[in-house]
């Protein structure tokens, strides 16, 4: 299979807004990002609202019968997904500390989020 030309590659922003336990949407967001990256599409992830809770490593999702997504998030650089974008207001609202989030997580204010949305060809919300 040949590599896509730069002109054929469309940037994709996957926005995850839901907490993990009990919802399939966070896993679907990650699966979508991984699938796009596997086809050499430039992919970025943005966590907003309750979605920022997915970034915590101490999640106990066994009671909900689902796997902890933090391990998947930590493997994203293998798929050339280098930066996780985090809604700073949502993170603050949930009392998250930058040190508890994955390395390289970029906190964005409202203006930063608008700029991130504007620079992607496709935005997929979950």
PDB file of N, CA and C in Angstrom:
ATOM      1  N   UNK A   1       0.848  -1.167   0.000  1.00  0.00           N
ATOM      2  CA  UNK A   1       0.000   0.000   0.000  1.00  0.00           C
ATOM      3  C   UNK A   1       0.894   1.229   0.000  1.00  0.00           C
ATOM      4  N   UNK A   2       0.606   2.156  -0.869  1.00  0.00           N
ATOM      5  CA  UNK A   2       1.443   3.350  -0.960  1.00  0.00           C
ATOM      6  C   UNK A   2       1.030   4.375   0.082  1.00  0.00           C
ATOM      7  N   UNK A   3       1.972   5.222   0.436  1.00  0.00           N
ATOM      8  CA  UNK A   3       1.719   6.298   1.390  1.00  0.00           C
ATOM      9  C   UNK A   3       0.851   7.356   0.732  1.00  0.00           C
ATOM     10  N   UNK A   4      -0.013   7.944   1.527  1.00  0.00           N
ATOM     11  CA  UNK A   4      -0.855   9.020   1.012  1.00  0.00           C
ATOM     12  C   UNK A   4      -0.017  10.260   0.784  1.00  0.00           C
ATOM     13  N   UNK A   5      -0.361  11.001  -0.231  1.00  0.00           N
ATOM     14  CA  UNK A   5       0.318  12.262  -0.454  1.00  0.00           C
ATOM     15  C   UNK A   5      -0.177  13.274   0.567  1.00  0.00           C
ATOM     16  N   UNK A   6       0.608  14.303   0.792  1.00  0.00           N
ATOM     17  CA  UNK A   6       0.238  15.327   1.764  1.00  0.00           C
ATOM     18  C   UNK A   6      -1.087  15.977   1.407  1.00  0.00           C
ATOM     19  N   UNK A   7      -1.362  16.116   0.123  1.00  0.00           N
ATOM     20  CA  UNK A   7      -2.613  16.744  -0.309  1.00  0.00           C
ATOM     21  C   UNK A   7      -3.821  15.889   0.031  1.00  0.00           C
ATOM     22  N   UNK A   8      -3.663  14.560   0.071  1.00  0.00           N
ATOM     23  CA  UNK A   8      -4.782  13.670   0.349  1.00  0.00           C
ATOM     24  C   UNK A   8      -5.039  13.512   1.843  1.00  0.00           C
ATOM     25  N   UNK A   9      -4.095  13.912   2.654  1.00  0.00           N
ATOM     26  CA  UNK A   9      -4.239  13.765   4.102  1.00  0.00           C
ATOM     27  C   UNK A   9      -5.070  14.915   4.667  1.00  0.00           C
ATOM     28  N   UNK A  10      -6.074  14.578   5.420  1.00  0.00           N
ATOM     29  CA  UNK A  10      -6.933  15.572   6.059  1.00  0.00           C
ATOM     30  C   UNK A  10      -6.762  15.438   7.565  1.00  0.00           C
ATOM     31  N   UNK A  11      -6.559  16.563   8.235  1.00  0.00           N
ATOM     32  CA  UNK A  11      -6.379  16.514   9.683  1.00  0.00           C
ATOM     33  C   UNK A  11      -7.712  16.270  10.372  1.00  0.00           C
ATOM     34  N   UNK A  12      -7.648  15.466  11.424  1.00  0.00           N
ATOM     35  CA  UNK A  12      -8.841  15.063  12.157  1.00  0.00           C
ATOM     36  C   UNK A  12      -8.661  15.414  13.624  1.00  0.00           C
ATOM     37  N   UNK A  13      -9.645  16.070  14.183  1.00  0.00           N
ATOM     38  CA  UNK A  13      -9.678  16.343  15.617  1.00  0.00           C
ATOM     39  C   UNK A  13     -10.805  15.515  16.206  1.00  0.00           C
ATOM     40  N   UNK A  14     -10.462  14.644  17.152  1.00  0.00           N
ATOM     41  CA  UNK A  14     -11.447  13.816  17.844  1.00  0.00           C
ATOM     42  C   UNK A  14     -11.688  14.461  19.204  1.00  0.00           C
ATOM     43  N   UNK A  15     -12.944  14.828  19.463  1.00  0.00           N
ATOM     44  CA  UNK A  15     -13.309  15.501  20.707  1.00  0.00           C
ATOM     45  C   UNK A  15     -14.075  14.513  21.581  1.00  0.00           C
ATOM     46  N   UNK A  16     -13.573  14.286  22.784  1.00  0.00           N
ATOM     47  CA  UNK A  16     -14.198  13.360  23.718  1.00  0.00           C
ATOM     48  C   UNK A  16     -14.751  14.153  24.896  1.00  0.00           C
ATOM     49  N   UNK A  17     -16.062  14.056  25.110  1.00  0.00           N
ATOM     50  CA  UNK A  17     -16.740  14.871  26.130  1.00  0.00           C
ATOM     51  C   UNK A  17     -17.386  14.050  27.242  1.00  0.00           C
ATOM     52  N   UNK A  18     -17.217  12.750  27.238  1.00  0.00           N
ATOM     53  CA  UNK A  18     -17.920  11.903  28.201  1.00  0.00           C
ATOM     54  C   UNK A  18     -16.943  11.156  29.088  1.00  0.00           C
ATOM     55  N   UNK A  19     -17.365  10.962  30.334  1.00  0.00           N
ATOM     56  CA  UNK A  19     -16.557  10.180  31.279  1.00  0.00           C
ATOM     57  C   UNK A  19     -16.588   8.719  30.861  1.00  0.00           C
ATOM     58  N   UNK A  20     -15.610   7.982  31.285  1.00  0.00           N
ATOM     59  CA  UNK A  20     -15.416   6.617  30.812  1.00  0.00           C
ATOM     60  C   UNK A  20     -16.397   5.583  31.359  1.00  0.00           C
ATOM     61  N   UNK A  21     -16.463   5.336  32.650  1.00  0.00           N
ATOM     62  CA  UNK A  21     -17.267   4.205  33.123  1.00  0.00           C
ATOM     63  C   UNK A  21     -18.734   4.294  32.709  1.00  0.00           C
ATOM     64  N   UNK A  22     -19.224   3.204  32.136  1.00  0.00           N
ATOM     65  CA  UNK A  22     -20.615   3.119  31.757  1.00  0.00           C
ATOM     66  C   UNK A  22     -20.947   3.683  30.386  1.00  0.00           C
ATOM     67  N   UNK A  23     -19.982   4.257  29.682  1.00  0.00           N
ATOM     68  CA  UNK A  23     -20.247   4.826  28.368  1.00  0.00           C
ATOM     69  C   UNK A  23     -19.270   4.244  27.353  1.00  0.00           C
ATOM     70  N   UNK A  24     -19.796   3.924  26.178  1.00  0.00           N
ATOM     71  CA  UNK A  24     -18.930   3.400  25.121  1.00  0.00           C
ATOM     72  C   UNK A  24     -18.317   4.526  24.286  1.00  0.00           C
ATOM     73  N   UNK A  25     -18.797   5.757  24.466  1.00  0.00           N
ATOM     74  CA  UNK A  25     -18.311   6.865  23.644  1.00  0.00           C
ATOM     75  C   UNK A  25     -16.812   7.142  23.806  1.00  0.00           C
ATOM     76  N   UNK A  26     -16.261   7.131  25.018  1.00  0.00           N
ATOM     77  CA  UNK A  26     -14.816   7.375  25.121  1.00  0.00           C
ATOM     78  C   UNK A  26     -13.990   6.339  24.360  1.00  0.00           C
ATOM     79  N   UNK A  27     -14.383   5.076  24.450  1.00  0.00           N
ATOM     80  CA  UNK A  27     -13.654   4.031  23.734  1.00  0.00           C
ATOM     81  C   UNK A  27     -13.811   4.210  22.226  1.00  0.00           C
ATOM     82  N   UNK A  28     -15.008   4.593  21.787  1.00  0.00           N
ATOM     83  CA  UNK A  28     -15.242   4.833  20.364  1.00  0.00           C
ATOM     84  C   UNK A  28     -14.384   5.993  19.863  1.00  0.00           C
ATOM     85  N   UNK A  29     -14.232   7.017  20.671  1.00  0.00           N
ATOM     86  CA  UNK A  29     -13.388   8.155  20.292  1.00  0.00           C
ATOM     87  C   UNK A  29     -11.947   7.700  20.090  1.00  0.00           C
ATOM     88  N   UNK A  30     -11.434   6.912  21.032  1.00  0.00           N
ATOM     89  CA  UNK A  30     -10.057   6.427  20.899  1.00  0.00           C
ATOM     90  C   UNK A  30      -9.904   5.481  19.712  1.00  0.00           C
ATOM     91  N   UNK A  31     -10.860   4.599  19.517  1.00  0.00           N
ATOM     92  CA  UNK A  31     -10.796   3.676  18.379  1.00  0.00           C
ATOM     93  C   UNK A  31     -10.786   4.444  17.057  1.00  0.00           C
ATOM     94  N   UNK A  32     -11.577   5.498  16.980  1.00  0.00           N
ATOM     95  CA  UNK A  32     -11.620   6.324  15.767  1.00  0.00           C
ATOM     96  C   UNK A  32     -10.274   6.999  15.529  1.00  0.00           C
ATOM     97  N   UNK A  33      -9.698   7.547  16.593  1.00  0.00           N
ATOM     98  CA  UNK A  33      -8.387   8.203  16.472  1.00  0.00           C
ATOM     99  C   UNK A  33      -7.319   7.208  16.034  1.00  0.00           C
ATOM    100  N   UNK A  34      -7.323   6.031  16.624  1.00  0.00           N
ATOM    101  CA  UNK A  34      -6.325   5.015  16.271  1.00  0.00           C
ATOM    102  C   UNK A  34      -6.502   4.535  14.835  1.00  0.00           C
ATOM    103  N   UNK A  35      -7.742   4.350  14.395  1.00  0.00           N
ATOM    104  CA  UNK A  35      -7.990   3.903  13.027  1.00  0.00           C
ATOM    105  C   UNK A  35      -7.516   4.949  12.023  1.00  0.00           C
ATOM    106  N   UNK A  36      -7.823   6.209  12.294  1.00  0.00           N
ATOM    107  CA  UNK A  36      -7.383   7.270  11.378  1.00  0.00           C
ATOM    108  C   UNK A  36      -5.864   7.351  11.334  1.00  0.00           C
ATOM    109  N   UNK A  37      -5.226   7.242  12.492  1.00  0.00           N
ATOM    110  CA  UNK A  37      -3.762   7.296  12.545  1.00  0.00           C
ATOM    111  C   UNK A  37      -3.142   6.112  11.802  1.00  0.00           C
ATOM    112  N   UNK A  38      -3.783   4.954  11.866  1.00  0.00           N
ATOM    113  CA  UNK A  38      -3.271   3.768  11.167  1.00  0.00           C
ATOM    114  C   UNK A  38      -3.273   3.971   9.658  1.00  0.00           C
ATOM    115  N   UNK A  39      -4.126   4.879   9.177  1.00  0.00           N
ATOM    116  CA  UNK A  39      -4.177   5.193   7.751  1.00  0.00           C
ATOM    117  C   UNK A  39      -3.457   6.503   7.441  1.00  0.00           C
ATOM    118  N   UNK A  40      -2.497   6.823   8.294  1.00  0.00           N
ATOM    119  CA  UNK A  40      -1.609   7.980   8.094  1.00  0.00           C
ATOM    120  C   UNK A  40      -2.329   9.323   8.046  1.00  0.00           C
ATOM    121  N   UNK A  41      -3.459   9.415   8.694  1.00  0.00           N
ATOM    122  CA  UNK A  41      -4.150  10.702   8.794  1.00  0.00           C
ATOM    123  C   UNK A  41      -3.649  11.420  10.044  1.00  0.00           C
ATOM    124  N   UNK A  42      -3.371  12.700   9.958  1.00  0.00           N
ATOM    125  CA  UNK A  42      -2.950  13.445  11.150  1.00  0.00           C
ATOM    126  C   UNK A  42      -4.130  13.575  12.115  1.00  0.00           C
ATOM    127  N   UNK A  43      -3.933  13.118  13.341  1.00  0.00           N
ATOM    128  CA  UNK A  43      -5.009  13.062  14.325  1.00  0.00           C
ATOM    129  C   UNK A  43      -4.592  13.789  15.599  1.00  0.00           C
ATOM    130  N   UNK A  44      -5.538  14.512  16.175  1.00  0.00           N
ATOM    131  CA  UNK A  44      -5.353  15.130  17.483  1.00  0.00           C
ATOM    132  C   UNK A  44      -6.571  14.787  18.331  1.00  0.00           C
ATOM    133  N   UNK A  45      -6.393  14.790  19.635  1.00  0.00           N
ATOM    134  CA  UNK A  45      -7.478  14.507  20.568  1.00  0.00           C
ATOM    135  C   UNK A  45      -7.687  15.696  21.485  1.00  0.00           C
ATOM    136  N   UNK A  46      -8.948  16.037  21.722  1.00  0.00           N
ATOM    137  CA  UNK A  46      -9.316  17.095  22.655  1.00  0.00           C
ATOM    138  C   UNK A  46     -10.280  16.510  23.667  1.00  0.00           C
ATOM    139  N   UNK A  47      -9.979  16.711  24.943  1.00  0.00           N
ATOM    140  CA  UNK A  47     -10.837  16.240  26.020  1.00  0.00           C
ATOM    141  C   UNK A  47     -11.523  17.442  26.640  1.00  0.00           C
ATOM    142  N   UNK A  48     -12.867  17.412  26.626  1.00  0.00           N
ATOM    143  CA  UNK A  48     -13.666  18.508  27.158  1.00  0.00           C
ATOM    144  C   UNK A  48     -14.690  17.968  28.147  1.00  0.00           C
ATOM    145  N   UNK A  49     -15.218  18.855  28.987  1.00  0.00           N
ATOM    146  CA  UNK A  49     -16.254  18.461  29.940  1.00  0.00           C
ATOM    147  C   UNK A  49     -15.813  17.266  30.766  1.00  0.00           C
ATOM    148  N   UNK A  50     -16.752  16.324  30.976  1.00  0.00           N
ATOM    149  CA  UNK A  50     -16.428  15.117  31.751  1.00  0.00           C
ATOM    150  C   UNK A  50     -15.354  14.262  31.077  1.00  0.00           C
ATOM    151  N   UNK A  51     -15.112  14.494  29.806  1.00  0.00           N
ATOM    152  CA  UNK A  51     -14.091  13.734  29.084  1.00  0.00           C
ATOM    153  C   UNK A  51     -12.704  13.866  29.688  1.00  0.00           C
ATOM    154  N   UNK A  52     -12.436  14.978  30.395  1.00  0.00           N
ATOM    155  CA  UNK A  52     -11.115  15.149  31.008  1.00  0.00           C
ATOM    156  C   UNK A  52     -10.849  14.080  32.069  1.00  0.00           C
ATOM    157  N   UNK A  53     -11.909  13.491  32.628  1.00  0.00           N
ATOM    158  CA  UNK A  53     -11.735  12.461  33.658  1.00  0.00           C
ATOM    159  C   UNK A  53     -11.111  11.192  33.106  1.00  0.00           C
ATOM    160  N   UNK A  54     -11.185  10.998  31.785  1.00  0.00           N
ATOM    161  CA  UNK A  54     -10.543   9.831  31.160  1.00  0.00           C
ATOM    162  C   UNK A  54      -9.031   9.858  31.329  1.00  0.00           C
ATOM    163  N   UNK A  55      -8.491  11.040  31.556  1.00  0.00           N
ATOM    164  CA  UNK A  55      -7.042  11.207  31.604  1.00  0.00           C
ATOM    165  C   UNK A  55      -6.430  10.785  32.931  1.00  0.00           C
ATOM    166  N   UNK A  56      -7.263  10.515  33.923  1.00  0.00           N
ATOM    167  CA  UNK A  56      -6.762  10.125  35.232  1.00  0.00           C
ATOM    168  C   UNK A  56      -6.285   8.677  35.210  1.00  0.00           C
ATOM    169  N   UNK A  57      -5.132   8.425  35.795  1.00  0.00           N
ATOM    170  CA  UNK A  57      -4.590   7.065  35.779  1.00  0.00           C
ATOM    171  C   UNK A  57      -5.253   6.168  36.814  1.00  0.00           C
ATOM    172  N   UNK A  58      -5.818   6.725  37.867  1.00  0.00           N
ATOM    173  CA  UNK A  58      -6.374   5.901  38.941  1.00  0.00           C
ATOM    174  C   UNK A  58      -7.838   5.525  38.732  1.00  0.00           C
ATOM    175  N   UNK A  59      -8.315   5.576  37.505  1.00  0.00           N
ATOM    176  CA  UNK A  59      -9.690   5.162  37.231  1.00  0.00           C
ATOM    177  C   UNK A  59      -9.870   3.690  37.581  1.00  0.00           C
ATOM    178  N   UNK A  60     -10.982   3.367  38.202  1.00  0.00           N
ATOM    179  CA  UNK A  60     -11.329   1.963  38.427  1.00  0.00           C
ATOM    180  C   UNK A  60     -12.591   1.688  37.625  1.00  0.00           C
ATOM    181  N   UNK A  61     -12.399   1.205  36.433  1.00  0.00           N
ATOM    182  CA  UNK A  61     -13.522   0.993  35.529  1.00  0.00           C
ATOM    183  C   UNK A  61     -13.987  -0.463  35.512  1.00  0.00           C
ATOM    184  N   UNK A  62     -13.397  -1.308  36.358  1.00  0.00           N
ATOM    185  CA  UNK A  62     -13.777  -2.729  36.363  1.00  0.00           C
ATOM    186  C   UNK A  62     -15.242  -2.934  36.743  1.00  0.00           C
ATOM    187  N   UNK A  63     -15.761  -2.125  37.675  1.00  0.00           N
ATOM    188  CA  UNK A  63     -17.151  -2.266  38.110  1.00  0.00           C
ATOM    189  C   UNK A  63     -18.114  -2.050  36.947  1.00  0.00           C
ATOM    190  N   UNK A  64     -17.727  -1.196  36.002  1.00  0.00           N
ATOM    191  CA  UNK A  64     -18.570  -0.933  34.830  1.00  0.00           C
ATOM    192  C   UNK A  64     -18.340  -1.967  33.731  1.00  0.00           C
ATOM    193  N   UNK A  65     -17.378  -2.866  33.939  1.00  0.00           N
ATOM    194  CA  UNK A  65     -17.101  -3.911  32.963  1.00  0.00           C
ATOM    195  C   UNK A  65     -16.338  -3.447  31.744  1.00  0.00           C
ATOM    196  N   UNK A  66     -15.596  -2.334  31.878  1.00  0.00           N
ATOM    197  CA  UNK A  66     -14.804  -1.814  30.770  1.00  0.00           C
ATOM    198  C   UNK A  66     -13.362  -1.637  31.205  1.00  0.00           C
ATOM    199  N   UNK A  67     -12.468  -1.556  30.243  1.00  0.00           N
ATOM    200  CA  UNK A  67     -11.047  -1.398  30.539  1.00  0.00           C
ATOM    201  C   UNK A  67     -10.697   0.061  30.786  1.00  0.00           C
ATOM    202  N   UNK A  68      -9.682   0.267  31.607  1.00  0.00           N
ATOM    203  CA  UNK A  68      -9.157   1.602  31.868  1.00  0.00           C
ATOM    204  C   UNK A  68      -8.506   2.114  30.583  1.00  0.00           C
ATOM    205  N   UNK A  69      -8.925   3.271  30.126  1.00  0.00           N
ATOM    206  CA  UNK A  69      -8.413   3.812  28.866  1.00  0.00           C
ATOM    207  C   UNK A  69      -7.069   4.506  29.006  1.00  0.00           C
ATOM    208  N   UNK A  70      -6.619   4.753  30.210  1.00  0.00           N
ATOM    209  CA  UNK A  70      -5.358   5.478  30.397  1.00  0.00           C
ATOM    210  C   UNK A  70      -4.193   4.728  29.747  1.00  0.00           C
ATOM    211  N   UNK A  71      -4.202   3.408  29.795  1.00  0.00           N
ATOM    212  CA  UNK A  71      -3.132   2.635  29.155  1.00  0.00           C
ATOM    213  C   UNK A  71      -3.131   2.851  27.644  1.00  0.00           C
ATOM    214  N   UNK A  72      -4.317   2.929  27.057  1.00  0.00           N
ATOM    215  CA  UNK A  72      -4.410   3.202  25.616  1.00  0.00           C
ATOM    216  C   UNK A  72      -3.904   4.611  25.333  1.00  0.00           C
ATOM    217  N   UNK A  73      -4.318   5.561  26.168  1.00  0.00           N
ATOM    218  CA  UNK A  73      -3.867   6.946  25.984  1.00  0.00           C
ATOM    219  C   UNK A  73      -2.349   7.050  26.054  1.00  0.00           C
ATOM    220  N   UNK A  74      -1.746   6.304  26.969  1.00  0.00           N
ATOM    221  CA  UNK A  74      -0.287   6.337  27.105  1.00  0.00           C
ATOM    222  C   UNK A  74       0.433   5.744  25.894  1.00  0.00           C
ATOM    223  N   UNK A  75      -0.274   4.928  25.101  1.00  0.00           N
ATOM    224  CA  UNK A  75       0.354   4.307  23.917  1.00  0.00           C
ATOM    225  C   UNK A  75       0.160   5.130  22.650  1.00  0.00           C
ATOM    226  N   UNK A  76      -0.566   6.229  22.709  1.00  0.00           N
ATOM    227  CA  UNK A  76      -0.864   7.003  21.505  1.00  0.00           C
ATOM    228  C   UNK A  76       0.367   7.486  20.736  1.00  0.00           C
ATOM    229  N   UNK A  77       1.486   7.837  21.387  1.00  0.00           N
ATOM    230  CA  UNK A  77       2.664   8.234  20.604  1.00  0.00           C
ATOM    231  C   UNK A  77       3.142   7.156  19.619  1.00  0.00           C
ATOM    232  N   UNK A  78       2.846   5.894  19.902  1.00  0.00           N
ATOM    233  CA  UNK A  78       3.204   4.822  18.965  1.00  0.00           C
ATOM    234  C   UNK A  78       2.451   4.975  17.642  1.00  0.00           C
ATOM    235  N   UNK A  79       1.333   5.672  17.672  1.00  0.00           N
ATOM    236  CA  UNK A  79       0.507   5.899  16.485  1.00  0.00           C
ATOM    237  C   UNK A  79       0.677   7.316  15.949  1.00  0.00           C
ATOM    238  N   UNK A  80       1.720   7.981  16.403  1.00  0.00           N
ATOM    239  CA  UNK A  80       2.045   9.348  16.009  1.00  0.00           C
ATOM    240  C   UNK A  80       0.982  10.354  16.437  1.00  0.00           C
ATOM    241  N   UNK A  81       0.291  10.033  17.515  1.00  0.00           N
ATOM    242  CA  UNK A  81      -0.618  10.982  18.159  1.00  0.00           C
ATOM    243  C   UNK A  81       0.136  11.467  19.388  1.00  0.00           C
ATOM    244  N   UNK A  82       0.776  12.604  19.240  1.00  0.00           N
ATOM    245  CA  UNK A  82       1.734  13.065  20.244  1.00  0.00           C
ATOM    246  C   UNK A  82       1.143  13.920  21.361  1.00  0.00           C
ATOM    247  N   UNK A  83       0.119  14.705  21.050  1.00  0.00           N
ATOM    248  CA  UNK A  83      -0.379  15.664  22.025  1.00  0.00           C
ATOM    249  C   UNK A  83      -1.840  15.428  22.332  1.00  0.00           C
ATOM    250  N   UNK A  84      -2.153  15.428  23.613  1.00  0.00           N
ATOM    251  CA  UNK A  84      -3.536  15.391  24.065  1.00  0.00           C
ATOM    252  C   UNK A  84      -3.897  16.798  24.489  1.00  0.00           C
ATOM    253  N   UNK A  85      -4.951  17.326  23.940  1.00  0.00           N
ATOM    254  CA  UNK A  85      -5.392  18.679  24.275  1.00  0.00           C
ATOM    255  C   UNK A  85      -6.467  18.579  25.346  1.00  0.00           C
ATOM    256  N   UNK A  86      -6.360  19.429  26.352  1.00  0.00           N
ATOM    257  CA  UNK A  86      -7.243  19.366  27.505  1.00  0.00           C
ATOM    258  C   UNK A  86      -7.914  20.721  27.699  1.00  0.00           C
ATOM    259  N   UNK A  87      -9.224  20.709  27.850  1.00  0.00           N
ATOM    260  CA  UNK A  87      -9.977  21.914  28.164  1.00  0.00           C
ATOM    261  C   UNK A  87      -9.597  22.337  29.584  1.00  0.00           C
ATOM    262  N   UNK A  88      -8.862  23.427  29.706  1.00  0.00           N
ATOM    263  CA  UNK A  88      -8.348  23.875  31.004  1.00  0.00           C
ATOM    264  C   UNK A  88      -9.474  24.201  31.978  1.00  0.00           C
ATOM    265  N   UNK A  89     -10.558  24.786  31.488  1.00  0.00           N
ATOM    266  CA  UNK A  89     -11.675  25.136  32.366  1.00  0.00           C
ATOM    267  C   UNK A  89     -12.331  23.878  32.935  1.00  0.00           C
ATOM    268  N   UNK A  90     -12.514  22.854  32.103  1.00  0.00           N
ATOM    269  CA  UNK A  90     -13.104  21.604  32.571  1.00  0.00           C
ATOM    270  C   UNK A  90     -12.178  20.903  33.564  1.00  0.00           C
ATOM    271  N   UNK A  91     -10.890  20.898  33.260  1.00  0.00           N
ATOM    272  CA  UNK A  91      -9.930  20.276  34.176  1.00  0.00           C
ATOM    273  C   UNK A  91      -9.957  20.970  35.534  1.00  0.00           C
ATOM    274  N   UNK A  92     -10.015  22.281  35.527  1.00  0.00           N
ATOM    275  CA  UNK A  92     -10.069  23.038  36.783  1.00  0.00           C
ATOM    276  C   UNK A  92     -11.373  22.761  37.523  1.00  0.00           C
ATOM    277  N   UNK A  93     -12.477  22.670  36.790  1.00  0.00           N
ATOM    278  CA  UNK A  93     -13.776  22.414  37.411  1.00  0.00           C
ATOM    279  C   UNK A  93     -13.808  21.068  38.120  1.00  0.00           C
ATOM    280  N   UNK A  94     -13.073  20.086  37.600  1.00  0.00           N
ATOM    281  CA  UNK A  94     -13.013  18.769  38.216  1.00  0.00           C
ATOM    282  C   UNK A  94     -11.834  18.630  39.174  1.00  0.00           C
ATOM    283  N   UNK A  95     -11.101  19.711  39.380  1.00  0.00           N
ATOM    284  CA  UNK A  95      -9.987  19.701  40.331  1.00  0.00           C
ATOM    285  C   UNK A  95      -8.797  18.878  39.878  1.00  0.00           C
ATOM    286  N   UNK A  96      -8.594  18.765  38.575  1.00  0.00           N
ATOM    287  CA  UNK A  96      -7.469  17.970  38.070  1.00  0.00           C
ATOM    288  C   UNK A  96      -6.170  18.759  38.155  1.00  0.00           C
ATOM    289  N   UNK A  97      -5.126  18.062  38.485  1.00  0.00           N
ATOM    290  CA  UNK A  97      -3.792  18.631  38.574  1.00  0.00           C
ATOM    291  C   UNK A  97      -3.018  18.220  37.322  1.00  0.00           C
ATOM    292  N   UNK A  98      -2.276  19.144  36.779  1.00  0.00           N
ATOM    293  CA  UNK A  98      -1.493  18.838  35.563  1.00  0.00           C
ATOM    294  C   UNK A  98      -0.583  17.630  35.751  1.00  0.00           C
ATOM    295  N   UNK A  99      -0.064  17.441  36.942  1.00  0.00           N
ATOM    296  CA  UNK A  99       0.848  16.326  37.194  1.00  0.00           C
ATOM    297  C   UNK A  99       0.152  14.969  37.131  1.00  0.00           C
ATOM    298  N   UNK A 100      -1.172  14.944  37.282  1.00  0.00           N
ATOM    299  CA  UNK A 100      -1.914  13.682  37.251  1.00  0.00           C
ATOM    300  C   UNK A 100      -2.271  13.264  35.826  1.00  0.00           C
ATOM    301  N   UNK A 101      -2.057  14.158  34.877  1.00  0.00           N
ATOM    302  CA  UNK A 101      -2.432  13.882  33.490  1.00  0.00           C
ATOM    303  C   UNK A 101      -1.255  13.300  32.710  1.00  0.00           C
ATOM    304  N   UNK A 102      -1.512  12.704  31.569  1.00  0.00           N
ATOM    305  CA  UNK A 102      -0.417  12.138  30.773  1.00  0.00           C
ATOM    306  C   UNK A 102       0.625  13.197  30.395  1.00  0.00           C
ATOM    307  N   UNK A 103       1.846  12.741  30.274  1.00  0.00           N
ATOM    308  CA  UNK A 103       2.929  13.648  29.866  1.00  0.00           C
ATOM    309  C   UNK A 103       2.587  14.239  28.505  1.00  0.00           C
ATOM    310  N   UNK A 104       2.843  15.513  28.356  1.00  0.00           N
ATOM    311  CA  UNK A 104       2.603  16.176  27.089  1.00  0.00           C
ATOM    312  C   UNK A 104       1.185  16.673  26.900  1.00  0.00           C
ATOM    313  N   UNK A 105       0.323  16.501  27.901  1.00  0.00           N
ATOM    314  CA  UNK A 105      -1.040  17.020  27.779  1.00  0.00           C
ATOM    315  C   UNK A 105      -0.979  18.545  27.721  1.00  0.00           C
ATOM    316  N   UNK A 106      -1.622  19.114  26.726  1.00  0.00           N
ATOM    317  CA  UNK A 106      -1.604  20.561  26.532  1.00  0.00           C
ATOM    318  C   UNK A 106      -2.919  21.155  27.000  1.00  0.00           C
ATOM    319  N   UNK A 107      -2.851  22.039  27.984  1.00  0.00           N
ATOM    320  CA  UNK A 107      -4.042  22.698  28.510  1.00  0.00           C
ATOM    321  C   UNK A 107      -4.378  23.878  27.626  1.00  0.00           C
ATOM    322  N   UNK A 108      -5.651  23.974  27.237  1.00  0.00           N
ATOM    323  CA  UNK A 108      -6.091  25.049  26.353  1.00  0.00           C
ATOM    324  C   UNK A 108      -7.219  25.847  26.996  1.00  0.00           C
ATOM    325  N   UNK A 109      -7.131  27.166  26.861  1.00  0.00           N
ATOM    326  CA  UNK A 109      -8.242  28.019  27.274  1.00  0.00           C
ATOM    327  C   UNK A 109      -9.235  28.073  26.110  1.00  0.00           C
ATOM    328  N   UNK A 110     -10.314  28.847  26.267  1.00  0.00           N
ATOM    329  CA  UNK A 110     -11.355  28.904  25.239  1.00  0.00           C
ATOM    330  C   UNK A 110     -10.808  29.351  23.891  1.00  0.00           C
ATOM    331  N   UNK A 111      -9.928  30.345  23.893  1.00  0.00           N
ATOM    332  CA  UNK A 111      -9.347  30.830  22.632  1.00  0.00           C
ATOM    333  C   UNK A 111      -8.482  29.745  21.990  1.00  0.00           C
ATOM    334  N   UNK A 112      -7.743  29.004  22.798  1.00  0.00           N
ATOM    335  CA  UNK A 112      -6.913  27.915  22.278  1.00  0.00           C
ATOM    336  C   UNK A 112      -7.748  26.804  21.673  1.00  0.00           C
ATOM    337  N   UNK A 113      -8.889  26.520  22.292  1.00  0.00           N
ATOM    338  CA  UNK A 113      -9.782  25.489  21.760  1.00  0.00           C
ATOM    339  C   UNK A 113     -10.367  25.937  20.427  1.00  0.00           C
ATOM    340  N   UNK A 114     -10.779  27.200  20.344  1.00  0.00           N
ATOM    341  CA  UNK A 114     -11.305  27.709  19.062  1.00  0.00           C
ATOM    342  C   UNK A 114     -10.252  27.605  17.965  1.00  0.00           C
ATOM    343  N   UNK A 115      -9.015  27.944  18.280  1.00  0.00           N
ATOM    344  CA  UNK A 115      -7.933  27.862  17.289  1.00  0.00           C
ATOM    345  C   UNK A 115      -7.679  26.409  16.879  1.00  0.00           C
ATOM    346  N   UNK A 116      -7.731  25.506  17.835  1.00  0.00           N
ATOM    347  CA  UNK A 116      -7.532  24.085  17.549  1.00  0.00           C
ATOM    348  C   UNK A 116      -8.626  23.572  16.612  1.00  0.00           C
ATOM    349  N   UNK A 117      -9.860  23.920  16.900  1.00  0.00           N
ATOM    350  CA  UNK A 117     -10.979  23.510  16.042  1.00  0.00           C
ATOM    351  C   UNK A 117     -10.825  24.068  14.632  1.00  0.00           C
ATOM    352  N   UNK A 118     -10.394  25.310  14.524  1.00  0.00           N
ATOM    353  CA  UNK A 118     -10.282  25.981  13.224  1.00  0.00           C
ATOM    354  C   UNK A 118      -9.188  25.377  12.350  1.00  0.00           C
ATOM    355  N   UNK A 119      -8.154  24.810  12.941  1.00  0.00           N
ATOM    356  CA  UNK A 119      -7.051  24.333  12.123  1.00  0.00           C
ATOM    357  C   UNK A 119      -7.156  22.863  11.702  1.00  0.00           C
ATOM    358  N   UNK A 120      -8.290  22.235  11.986  1.00  0.00           N
ATOM    359  CA  UNK A 120      -8.492  20.848  11.560  1.00  0.00           C
ATOM    360  C   UNK A 120      -9.538  20.787  10.446  1.00  0.00           C
ATOM    361  N   UNK A 121      -9.315  19.870   9.505  1.00  0.00           N
ATOM    362  CA  UNK A 121     -10.243  19.697   8.395  1.00  0.00           C
ATOM    363  C   UNK A 121     -11.551  19.045   8.837  1.00  0.00           C
ATOM    364  N   UNK A 122     -11.451  18.097   9.768  1.00  0.00           N
ATOM    365  CA  UNK A 122     -12.617  17.360  10.244  1.00  0.00           C
ATOM    366  C   UNK A 122     -12.608  17.356  11.768  1.00  0.00           C
ATOM    367  N   UNK A 123     -13.779  17.558  12.370  1.00  0.00           N
ATOM    368  CA  UNK A 123     -13.934  17.491  13.821  1.00  0.00           C
ATOM    369  C   UNK A 123     -15.006  16.447  14.114  1.00  0.00           C
ATOM    370  N   UNK A 124     -14.629  15.440  14.892  1.00  0.00           N
ATOM    371  CA  UNK A 124     -15.552  14.352  15.234  1.00  0.00           C
ATOM    372  C   UNK A 124     -15.795  14.396  16.737  1.00  0.00           C
ATOM    373  N   UNK A 125     -17.043  14.506  17.126  1.00  0.00           N
ATOM    374  CA  UNK A 125     -17.385  14.600  18.542  1.00  0.00           C
ATOM    375  C   UNK A 125     -17.944  13.308  19.087  1.00  0.00           C
ATOM    376  N   UNK A 126     -17.512  12.951  20.288  1.00  0.00           N
ATOM    377  CA  UNK A 126     -17.986  11.737  20.959  1.00  0.00           C
ATOM    378  C   UNK A 126     -18.384  12.072  22.391  1.00  0.00           C
TER     379      UNK A 126
END
